[in-house]
């Protein structure tokens, strides 16, 4: 888990990331703190998500999105709008 914790720290820099065991079924708590120490995001993830490269990328993407929302750089309604645009384009291209 040490290497995954380091990778998450690099991916979410300059924020501080801690990874702690949080459940009996292999859950891990990912805590992202600002450089000043304020908790920005906390998410519980399955250990399987951290062990698979593809799902680990998804976890990092979700944490990036959650950080943008927490910092006020992205509104949750904007995510829905972007998703709808992508679906509309996919329907047109099909």
PDB file of N, CA and C in Angstrom:
ATOM      1  N   UNK A   1       0.801  -1.189   0.000  1.00  0.00           N
ATOM      2  CA  UNK A   1       0.000   0.000   0.000  1.00  0.00           C
ATOM      3  C   UNK A   1       0.855   1.270   0.000  1.00  0.00           C
ATOM      4  N   UNK A   2       2.073   1.131   0.468  1.00  0.00           N
ATOM      5  CA  UNK A   2       2.968   2.299   0.527  1.00  0.00           C
ATOM      6  C   UNK A   2       3.162   2.923  -0.852  1.00  0.00           C
ATOM      7  N   UNK A   3       3.379   2.105  -1.874  1.00  0.00           N
ATOM      8  CA  UNK A   3       3.611   2.639  -3.214  1.00  0.00           C
ATOM      9  C   UNK A   3       2.345   3.290  -3.772  1.00  0.00           C
ATOM     10  N   UNK A   4       1.187   2.729  -3.461  1.00  0.00           N
ATOM     11  CA  UNK A   4      -0.073   3.320  -3.919  1.00  0.00           C
ATOM     12  C   UNK A   4      -0.291   4.654  -3.224  1.00  0.00           C
ATOM     13  N   UNK A   5       0.020   4.721  -1.954  1.00  0.00           N
ATOM     14  CA  UNK A   5      -0.109   5.973  -1.205  1.00  0.00           C
ATOM     15  C   UNK A   5       0.805   7.047  -1.795  1.00  0.00           C
ATOM     16  N   UNK A   6       2.021   6.681  -2.137  1.00  0.00           N
ATOM     17  CA  UNK A   6       2.952   7.625  -2.753  1.00  0.00           C
ATOM     18  C   UNK A   6       2.446   8.093  -4.110  1.00  0.00           C
ATOM     19  N   UNK A   7       1.907   7.159  -4.907  1.00  0.00           N
ATOM     20  CA  UNK A   7       1.380   7.522  -6.211  1.00  0.00           C
ATOM     21  C   UNK A   7       0.203   8.475  -6.094  1.00  0.00           C
ATOM     22  N   UNK A   8      -0.697   8.205  -5.139  1.00  0.00           N
ATOM     23  CA  UNK A   8      -1.834   9.097  -4.916  1.00  0.00           C
ATOM     24  C   UNK A   8      -1.344  10.476  -4.485  1.00  0.00           C
ATOM     25  N   UNK A   9      -0.329  10.503  -3.641  1.00  0.00           N
ATOM     26  CA  UNK A   9       0.247  11.770  -3.209  1.00  0.00           C
ATOM     27  C   UNK A   9       0.811  12.576  -4.365  1.00  0.00           C
ATOM     28  N   UNK A  10       1.491  11.898  -5.284  1.00  0.00           N
ATOM     29  CA  UNK A  10       2.034  12.581  -6.459  1.00  0.00           C
ATOM     30  C   UNK A  10       0.919  13.059  -7.378  1.00  0.00           C
ATOM     31  N   UNK A  11      -0.101  12.236  -7.579  1.00  0.00           N
ATOM     32  CA  UNK A  11      -1.191  12.576  -8.489  1.00  0.00           C
ATOM     33  C   UNK A  11      -2.030  13.738  -7.972  1.00  0.00           C
ATOM     34  N   UNK A  12      -2.111  13.885  -6.654  1.00  0.00           N
ATOM     35  CA  UNK A  12      -2.974  14.908  -6.068  1.00  0.00           C
ATOM     36  C   UNK A  12      -2.192  16.040  -5.420  1.00  0.00           C
ATOM     37  N   UNK A  13      -0.910  16.126  -5.744  1.00  0.00           N
ATOM     38  CA  UNK A  13      -0.046  17.184  -5.227  1.00  0.00           C
ATOM     39  C   UNK A  13      -0.616  18.544  -5.632  1.00  0.00           C
ATOM     40  N   UNK A  14      -0.550  19.560  -4.839  1.00  0.00           N
ATOM     41  CA  UNK A  14       0.224  19.768  -3.622  1.00  0.00           C
ATOM     42  C   UNK A  14      -0.496  19.308  -2.355  1.00  0.00           C
ATOM     43  N   UNK A  15      -1.640  18.653  -2.524  1.00  0.00           N
ATOM     44  CA  UNK A  15      -2.391  18.187  -1.365  1.00  0.00           C
ATOM     45  C   UNK A  15      -1.716  16.975  -0.734  1.00  0.00           C
ATOM     46  N   UNK A  16      -2.017  16.745   0.543  1.00  0.00           N
ATOM     47  CA  UNK A  16      -1.465  15.614   1.274  1.00  0.00           C
ATOM     48  C   UNK A  16      -2.486  14.487   1.262  1.00  0.00           C
ATOM     49  N   UNK A  17      -2.035  13.273   0.963  1.00  0.00           N
ATOM     50  CA  UNK A  17      -2.933  12.126   0.886  1.00  0.00           C
ATOM     51  C   UNK A  17      -2.521  11.092   1.926  1.00  0.00           C
ATOM     52  N   UNK A  18      -3.500  10.607   2.690  1.00  0.00           N
ATOM     53  CA  UNK A  18      -3.242   9.496   3.602  1.00  0.00           C
ATOM     54  C   UNK A  18      -4.194   8.371   3.252  1.00  0.00           C
ATOM     55  N   UNK A  19      -3.712   7.165   3.411  1.00  0.00           N
ATOM     56  CA  UNK A  19      -4.461   5.960   3.092  1.00  0.00           C
ATOM     57  C   UNK A  19      -4.442   5.092   4.335  1.00  0.00           C
ATOM     58  N   UNK A  20      -5.631   4.849   4.912  1.00  0.00           N
ATOM     59  CA  UNK A  20      -5.699   4.046   6.139  1.00  0.00           C
ATOM     60  C   UNK A  20      -6.737   2.948   5.984  1.00  0.00           C
ATOM     61  N   UNK A  21      -6.440   1.814   6.562  1.00  0.00           N
ATOM     62  CA  UNK A  21      -7.377   0.693   6.545  1.00  0.00           C
ATOM     63  C   UNK A  21      -8.615   1.099   7.334  1.00  0.00           C
ATOM     64  N   UNK A  22      -9.809   0.818   6.756  1.00  0.00           N
ATOM     65  CA  UNK A  22     -11.012   1.287   7.447  1.00  0.00           C
ATOM     66  C   UNK A  22     -12.093   0.228   7.587  1.00  0.00           C
ATOM     67  N   UNK A  23     -11.853  -0.991   7.123  1.00  0.00           N
ATOM     68  CA  UNK A  23     -12.896  -1.996   7.226  1.00  0.00           C
ATOM     69  C   UNK A  23     -12.347  -3.406   7.204  1.00  0.00           C
ATOM     70  N   UNK A  24     -13.205  -4.334   7.585  1.00  0.00           N
ATOM     71  CA  UNK A  24     -12.790  -5.730   7.648  1.00  0.00           C
ATOM     72  C   UNK A  24     -12.848  -6.405   6.276  1.00  0.00           C
ATOM     73  N   UNK A  25     -13.498  -5.764   5.314  1.00  0.00           N
ATOM     74  CA  UNK A  25     -13.614  -6.363   3.982  1.00  0.00           C
ATOM     75  C   UNK A  25     -12.664  -5.721   2.982  1.00  0.00           C
ATOM     76  N   UNK A  26     -11.602  -5.122   3.476  1.00  0.00           N
ATOM     77  CA  UNK A  26     -10.580  -4.569   2.588  1.00  0.00           C
ATOM     78  C   UNK A  26     -10.816  -3.141   2.154  1.00  0.00           C
ATOM     79  N   UNK A  27     -11.649  -2.404   2.871  1.00  0.00           N
ATOM     80  CA  UNK A  27     -11.862  -1.011   2.520  1.00  0.00           C
ATOM     81  C   UNK A  27     -10.709  -0.156   3.033  1.00  0.00           C
ATOM     82  N   UNK A  28     -10.431   0.901   2.288  1.00  0.00           N
ATOM     83  CA  UNK A  28      -9.400   1.859   2.670  1.00  0.00           C
ATOM     84  C   UNK A  28     -10.000   3.252   2.633  1.00  0.00           C
ATOM     85  N   UNK A  29      -9.624   4.080   3.589  1.00  0.00           N
ATOM     86  CA  UNK A  29     -10.071   5.459   3.631  1.00  0.00           C
ATOM     87  C   UNK A  29      -8.983   6.335   3.025  1.00  0.00           C
ATOM     88  N   UNK A  30      -9.345   7.049   1.965  1.00  0.00           N
ATOM     89  CA  UNK A  30      -8.430   7.991   1.330  1.00  0.00           C
ATOM     90  C   UNK A  30      -8.809   9.381   1.831  1.00  0.00           C
ATOM     91  N   UNK A  31      -7.868  10.045   2.476  1.00  0.00           N
ATOM     92  CA  UNK A  31      -8.103  11.393   2.988  1.00  0.00           C
ATOM     93  C   UNK A  31      -7.169  12.345   2.266  1.00  0.00           C
ATOM     94  N   UNK A  32      -7.754  13.385   1.678  1.00  0.00           N
ATOM     95  CA  UNK A  32      -6.976  14.395   0.968  1.00  0.00           C
ATOM     96  C   UNK A  32      -7.082  15.690   1.767  1.00  0.00           C
ATOM     97  N   UNK A  33      -5.914  16.211   2.170  1.00  0.00           N
ATOM     98  CA  UNK A  33      -5.857  17.442   2.953  1.00  0.00           C
ATOM     99  C   UNK A  33      -5.142  18.524   2.155  1.00  0.00           C
ATOM    100  N   UNK A  34      -5.549  19.744   2.392  1.00  0.00           N
ATOM    101  CA  UNK A  34      -4.872  20.884   1.780  1.00  0.00           C
ATOM    102  C   UNK A  34      -3.475  21.008   2.388  1.00  0.00           C
ATOM    103  N   UNK A  35      -2.607  21.789   1.753  1.00  0.00           N
ATOM    104  CA  UNK A  35      -1.273  21.990   2.338  1.00  0.00           C
ATOM    105  C   UNK A  35      -1.324  22.548   3.760  1.00  0.00           C
ATOM    106  N   UNK A  36      -2.415  23.256   4.112  1.00  0.00           N
ATOM    107  CA  UNK A  36      -2.546  23.797   5.466  1.00  0.00           C
ATOM    108  C   UNK A  36      -3.104  22.775   6.452  1.00  0.00           C
ATOM    109  N   UNK A  37      -3.512  21.594   5.955  1.00  0.00           N
ATOM    110  CA  UNK A  37      -3.981  20.526   6.831  1.00  0.00           C
ATOM    111  C   UNK A  37      -5.485  20.355   6.912  1.00  0.00           C
ATOM    112  N   UNK A  38      -6.256  21.184   6.206  1.00  0.00           N
ATOM    113  CA  UNK A  38      -7.715  21.060   6.217  1.00  0.00           C
ATOM    114  C   UNK A  38      -8.147  19.877   5.344  1.00  0.00           C
ATOM    115  N   UNK A  39      -9.068  19.069   5.849  1.00  0.00           N
ATOM    116  CA  UNK A  39      -9.566  17.932   5.071  1.00  0.00           C
ATOM    117  C   UNK A  39     -10.445  18.457   3.948  1.00  0.00           C
ATOM    118  N   UNK A  40     -10.076  18.093   2.722  1.00  0.00           N
ATOM    119  CA  UNK A  40     -10.834  18.501   1.541  1.00  0.00           C
ATOM    120  C   UNK A  40     -11.785  17.407   1.082  1.00  0.00           C
ATOM    121  N   UNK A  41     -11.294  16.161   1.082  1.00  0.00           N
ATOM    122  CA  UNK A  41     -12.079  15.032   0.587  1.00  0.00           C
ATOM    123  C   UNK A  41     -11.719  13.793   1.387  1.00  0.00           C
ATOM    124  N   UNK A  42     -12.724  13.002   1.719  1.00  0.00           N
ATOM    125  CA  UNK A  42     -12.513  11.681   2.314  1.00  0.00           C
ATOM    126  C   UNK A  42     -13.394  10.701   1.553  1.00  0.00           C
ATOM    127  N   UNK A  43     -12.796   9.624   1.091  1.00  0.00           N
ATOM    128  CA  UNK A  43     -13.533   8.604   0.354  1.00  0.00           C
ATOM    129  C   UNK A  43     -13.078   7.228   0.796  1.00  0.00           C
ATOM    130  N   UNK A  44     -14.034   6.320   0.909  1.00  0.00           N
ATOM    131  CA  UNK A  44     -13.710   4.926   1.215  1.00  0.00           C
ATOM    132  C   UNK A  44     -13.708   4.164  -0.108  1.00  0.00           C
ATOM    133  N   UNK A  45     -12.639   3.400  -0.331  1.00  0.00           N
ATOM    134  CA  UNK A  45     -12.517   2.621  -1.564  1.00  0.00           C
ATOM    135  C   UNK A  45     -12.158   1.184  -1.221  1.00  0.00           C
ATOM    136  N   UNK A  46     -12.516   0.290  -2.115  1.00  0.00           N
ATOM    137  CA  UNK A  46     -12.169  -1.125  -1.992  1.00  0.00           C
ATOM    138  C   UNK A  46     -10.683  -1.316  -2.274  1.00  0.00           C
ATOM    139  N   UNK A  47     -10.075  -2.259  -1.617  1.00  0.00           N
ATOM    140  CA  UNK A  47      -8.670  -2.550  -1.898  1.00  0.00           C
ATOM    141  C   UNK A  47      -8.502  -3.002  -3.348  1.00  0.00           C
ATOM    142  N   UNK A  48      -9.495  -3.696  -3.892  1.00  0.00           N
ATOM    143  CA  UNK A  48      -9.423  -4.151  -5.282  1.00  0.00           C
ATOM    144  C   UNK A  48      -9.299  -2.965  -6.242  1.00  0.00           C
ATOM    145  N   UNK A  49      -9.953  -1.846  -5.916  1.00  0.00           N
ATOM    146  CA  UNK A  49      -9.866  -0.652  -6.757  1.00  0.00           C
ATOM    147  C   UNK A  49      -8.450  -0.075  -6.744  1.00  0.00           C
ATOM    148  N   UNK A  50      -7.763  -0.247  -5.653  1.00  0.00           N
ATOM    149  CA  UNK A  50      -6.410   0.283  -5.546  1.00  0.00           C
ATOM    150  C   UNK A  50      -5.381  -0.636  -6.184  1.00  0.00           C
ATOM    151  N   UNK A  51      -5.703  -1.917  -6.286  1.00  0.00           N
ATOM    152  CA  UNK A  51      -4.756  -2.887  -6.840  1.00  0.00           C
ATOM    153  C   UNK A  51      -4.809  -2.989  -8.355  1.00  0.00           C
ATOM    154  N   UNK A  52      -5.923  -2.619  -8.961  1.00  0.00           N
ATOM    155  CA  UNK A  52      -6.081  -2.691 -10.417  1.00  0.00           C
ATOM    156  C   UNK A  52      -5.757  -1.324 -11.021  1.00  0.00           C
ATOM    157  N   UNK A  53      -4.843  -1.267 -11.991  1.00  0.00           N
ATOM    158  CA  UNK A  53      -4.396   0.013 -12.546  1.00  0.00           C
ATOM    159  C   UNK A  53      -5.541   0.813 -13.158  1.00  0.00           C
ATOM    160  N   UNK A  54      -6.432   0.145 -13.869  1.00  0.00           N
ATOM    161  CA  UNK A  54      -7.525   0.846 -14.538  1.00  0.00           C
ATOM    162  C   UNK A  54      -8.474   1.489 -13.517  1.00  0.00           C
ATOM    163  N   UNK A  55      -8.844   0.735 -12.487  1.00  0.00           N
ATOM    164  CA  UNK A  55      -9.751   1.296 -11.492  1.00  0.00           C
ATOM    165  C   UNK A  55      -9.043   2.309 -10.591  1.00  0.00           C
ATOM    166  N   UNK A  56      -7.742   2.154 -10.419  1.00  0.00           N
ATOM    167  CA  UNK A  56      -6.974   3.136  -9.653  1.00  0.00           C
ATOM    168  C   UNK A  56      -6.984   4.484 -10.375  1.00  0.00           C
ATOM    169  N   UNK A  57      -6.876   4.459 -11.687  1.00  0.00           N
ATOM    170  CA  UNK A  57      -6.966   5.698 -12.469  1.00  0.00           C
ATOM    171  C   UNK A  57      -8.347   6.323 -12.278  1.00  0.00           C
ATOM    172  N   UNK A  58      -9.387   5.502 -12.256  1.00  0.00           N
ATOM    173  CA  UNK A  58     -10.741   6.011 -12.013  1.00  0.00           C
ATOM    174  C   UNK A  58     -10.851   6.650 -10.633  1.00  0.00           C
ATOM    175  N   UNK A  59     -10.242   6.027  -9.630  1.00  0.00           N
ATOM    176  CA  UNK A  59     -10.255   6.584  -8.269  1.00  0.00           C
ATOM    177  C   UNK A  59      -9.589   7.956  -8.271  1.00  0.00           C
ATOM    178  N   UNK A  60      -8.430   8.072  -8.919  1.00  0.00           N
ATOM    179  CA  UNK A  60      -7.716   9.352  -8.975  1.00  0.00           C
ATOM    180  C   UNK A  60      -8.556  10.395  -9.713  1.00  0.00           C
ATOM    181  N   UNK A  61      -9.178  10.006 -10.824  1.00  0.00           N
ATOM    182  CA  UNK A  61     -10.035  10.937 -11.567  1.00  0.00           C
ATOM    183  C   UNK A  61     -11.191  11.435 -10.705  1.00  0.00           C
ATOM    184  N   UNK A  62     -11.808  10.534  -9.963  1.00  0.00           N
ATOM    185  CA  UNK A  62     -12.915  10.921  -9.081  1.00  0.00           C
ATOM    186  C   UNK A  62     -12.442  11.844  -7.967  1.00  0.00           C
ATOM    187  N   UNK A  63     -11.269  11.562  -7.425  1.00  0.00           N
ATOM    188  CA  UNK A  63     -10.724  12.433  -6.379  1.00  0.00           C
ATOM    189  C   UNK A  63     -10.405  13.822  -6.933  1.00  0.00           C
ATOM    190  N   UNK A  64      -9.880  13.879  -8.164  1.00  0.00           N
ATOM    191  CA  UNK A  64      -9.628  15.171  -8.808  1.00  0.00           C
ATOM    192  C   UNK A  64     -10.936  15.949  -8.950  1.00  0.00           C
ATOM    193  N   UNK A  65     -11.974  15.265  -9.432  1.00  0.00           N
ATOM    194  CA  UNK A  65     -13.286  15.898  -9.593  1.00  0.00           C
ATOM    195  C   UNK A  65     -13.817  16.391  -8.249  1.00  0.00           C
ATOM    196  N   UNK A  66     -13.736  15.549  -7.225  1.00  0.00           N
ATOM    197  CA  UNK A  66     -14.221  15.931  -5.894  1.00  0.00           C
ATOM    198  C   UNK A  66     -13.433  17.118  -5.334  1.00  0.00           C
ATOM    199  N   UNK A  67     -12.129  17.160  -5.603  1.00  0.00           N
ATOM    200  CA  UNK A  67     -11.315  18.295  -5.160  1.00  0.00           C
ATOM    201  C   UNK A  67     -11.741  19.575  -5.867  1.00  0.00           C
ATOM    202  N   UNK A  68     -12.006  19.484  -7.154  1.00  0.00           N
ATOM    203  CA  UNK A  68     -12.451  20.663  -7.899  1.00  0.00           C
ATOM    204  C   UNK A  68     -13.783  21.178  -7.354  1.00  0.00           C
ATOM    205  N   UNK A  69     -14.679  20.273  -7.003  1.00  0.00           N
ATOM    206  CA  UNK A  69     -15.954  20.669  -6.413  1.00  0.00           C
ATOM    207  C   UNK A  69     -15.723  21.303  -5.043  1.00  0.00           C
ATOM    208  N   UNK A  70     -14.893  20.660  -4.210  1.00  0.00           N
ATOM    209  CA  UNK A  70     -14.614  21.162  -2.861  1.00  0.00           C
ATOM    210  C   UNK A  70     -13.966  22.544  -2.896  1.00  0.00           C
ATOM    211  N   UNK A  71     -13.152  22.785  -3.901  1.00  0.00           N
ATOM    212  CA  UNK A  71     -12.458  24.068  -4.020  1.00  0.00           C
ATOM    213  C   UNK A  71     -13.296  25.108  -4.748  1.00  0.00           C
ATOM    214  N   UNK A  72     -14.494  24.726  -5.209  1.00  0.00           N
ATOM    215  CA  UNK A  72     -15.370  25.667  -5.903  1.00  0.00           C
ATOM    216  C   UNK A  72     -14.988  25.914  -7.345  1.00  0.00           C
ATOM    217  N   UNK A  73     -14.154  25.058  -7.913  1.00  0.00           N
ATOM    218  CA  UNK A  73     -13.746  25.234  -9.307  1.00  0.00           C
ATOM    219  C   UNK A  73     -14.647  24.489 -10.280  1.00  0.00           C
ATOM    220  N   UNK A  74     -15.564  23.675  -9.760  1.00  0.00           N
ATOM    221  CA  UNK A  74     -16.481  22.920 -10.606  1.00  0.00           C
ATOM    222  C   UNK A  74     -17.775  22.710  -9.837  1.00  0.00           C
ATOM    223  N   UNK A  75     -18.884  23.035 -10.472  1.00  0.00           N
ATOM    224  CA  UNK A  75     -20.194  22.842  -9.863  1.00  0.00           C
ATOM    225  C   UNK A  75     -20.711  21.443 -10.206  1.00  0.00           C
ATOM    226  N   UNK A  76     -21.341  20.749  -9.258  1.00  0.00           N
ATOM    227  CA  UNK A  76     -21.885  19.418  -9.550  1.00  0.00           C
ATOM    228  C   UNK A  76     -22.840  19.413 -10.748  1.00  0.00           C
ATOM    229  N   UNK A  77     -23.605  20.483 -10.925  1.00  0.00           N
ATOM    230  CA  UNK A  77     -24.525  20.555 -12.067  1.00  0.00           C
ATOM    231  C   UNK A  77     -23.765  20.595 -13.390  1.00  0.00           C
ATOM    232  N   UNK A  78     -22.552  21.131 -13.384  1.00  0.00           N
ATOM    233  CA  UNK A  78     -21.730  21.183 -14.587  1.00  0.00           C
ATOM    234  C   UNK A  78     -21.319  19.780 -15.024  1.00  0.00           C
ATOM    235  N   UNK A  79     -21.080  18.906 -14.067  1.00  0.00           N
ATOM    236  CA  UNK A  79     -20.721  17.522 -14.377  1.00  0.00           C
ATOM    237  C   UNK A  79     -21.863  16.864 -15.131  1.00  0.00           C
ATOM    238  N   UNK A  80     -23.096  17.062 -14.668  1.00  0.00           N
ATOM    239  CA  UNK A  80     -24.259  16.495 -15.332  1.00  0.00           C
ATOM    240  C   UNK A  80     -24.391  17.048 -16.737  1.00  0.00           C
ATOM    241  N   UNK A  81     -24.192  18.350 -16.896  1.00  0.00           N
ATOM    242  CA  UNK A  81     -24.293  18.966 -18.226  1.00  0.00           C
ATOM    243  C   UNK A  81     -23.247  18.399 -19.173  1.00  0.00           C
ATOM    244  N   UNK A  82     -22.014  18.256 -18.706  1.00  0.00           N
ATOM    245  CA  UNK A  82     -20.956  17.702 -19.552  1.00  0.00           C
ATOM    246  C   UNK A  82     -21.241  16.251 -19.932  1.00  0.00           C
ATOM    247  N   UNK A  83     -21.763  15.486 -18.989  1.00  0.00           N
ATOM    248  CA  UNK A  83     -22.097  14.091 -19.248  1.00  0.00           C
ATOM    249  C   UNK A  83     -23.207  13.997 -20.307  1.00  0.00           C
ATOM    250  N   UNK A  84     -24.207  14.876 -20.224  1.00  0.00           N
ATOM    251  CA  UNK A  84     -25.293  14.881 -21.203  1.00  0.00           C
ATOM    252  C   UNK A  84     -24.796  15.242 -22.591  1.00  0.00           C
ATOM    253  N   UNK A  85     -23.867  16.190 -22.679  1.00  0.00           N
ATOM    254  CA  UNK A  85     -23.293  16.564 -23.971  1.00  0.00           C
ATOM    255  C   UNK A  85     -22.548  15.385 -24.573  1.00  0.00           C
ATOM    256  N   UNK A  86     -21.778  14.689 -23.756  1.00  0.00           N
ATOM    257  CA  UNK A  86     -21.024  13.527 -24.241  1.00  0.00           C
ATOM    258  C   UNK A  86     -21.968  12.431 -24.734  1.00  0.00           C
ATOM    259  N   UNK A  87     -23.053  12.192 -24.021  1.00  0.00           N
ATOM    260  CA  UNK A  87     -24.012  11.174 -24.450  1.00  0.00           C
ATOM    261  C   UNK A  87     -24.702  11.572 -25.739  1.00  0.00           C
ATOM    262  N   UNK A  88     -25.034  12.846 -25.889  1.00  0.00           N
ATOM    263  CA  UNK A  88     -25.678  13.333 -27.111  1.00  0.00           C
ATOM    264  C   UNK A  88     -24.746  13.159 -28.292  1.00  0.00           C
ATOM    265  N   UNK A  89     -23.483  13.484 -28.120  1.00  0.00           N
ATOM    266  CA  UNK A  89     -22.509  13.308 -29.208  1.00  0.00           C
ATOM    267  C   UNK A  89     -22.353  11.842 -29.575  1.00  0.00           C
ATOM    268  N   UNK A  90     -22.364  10.973 -28.581  1.00  0.00           N
ATOM    269  CA  UNK A  90     -22.226   9.541 -28.855  1.00  0.00           C
ATOM    270  C   UNK A  90     -23.421   9.037 -29.645  1.00  0.00           C
ATOM    271  N   UNK A  91     -24.620   9.541 -29.350  1.00  0.00           N
ATOM    272  CA  UNK A  91     -25.817   9.128 -30.084  1.00  0.00           C
ATOM    273  C   UNK A  91     -25.774   9.602 -31.521  1.00  0.00           C
ATOM    274  N   UNK A  92     -25.269  10.816 -31.748  1.00  0.00           N
ATOM    275  CA  UNK A  92     -25.187  11.377 -33.092  1.00  0.00           C
ATOM    276  C   UNK A  92     -24.182  10.618 -33.934  1.00  0.00           C
ATOM    277  N   UNK A  93     -23.081  10.201 -33.340  1.00  0.00           N
ATOM    278  CA  UNK A  93     -22.016   9.509 -34.068  1.00  0.00           C
ATOM    279  C   UNK A  93     -22.341   8.048 -34.331  1.00  0.00           C
ATOM    280  N   UNK A  94     -23.287   7.500 -33.618  1.00  0.00           N
ATOM    281  CA  UNK A  94     -23.585   6.070 -33.747  1.00  0.00           C
ATOM    282  C   UNK A  94     -24.380   5.741 -34.989  1.00  0.00           C
TER     283      UNK A  94
END
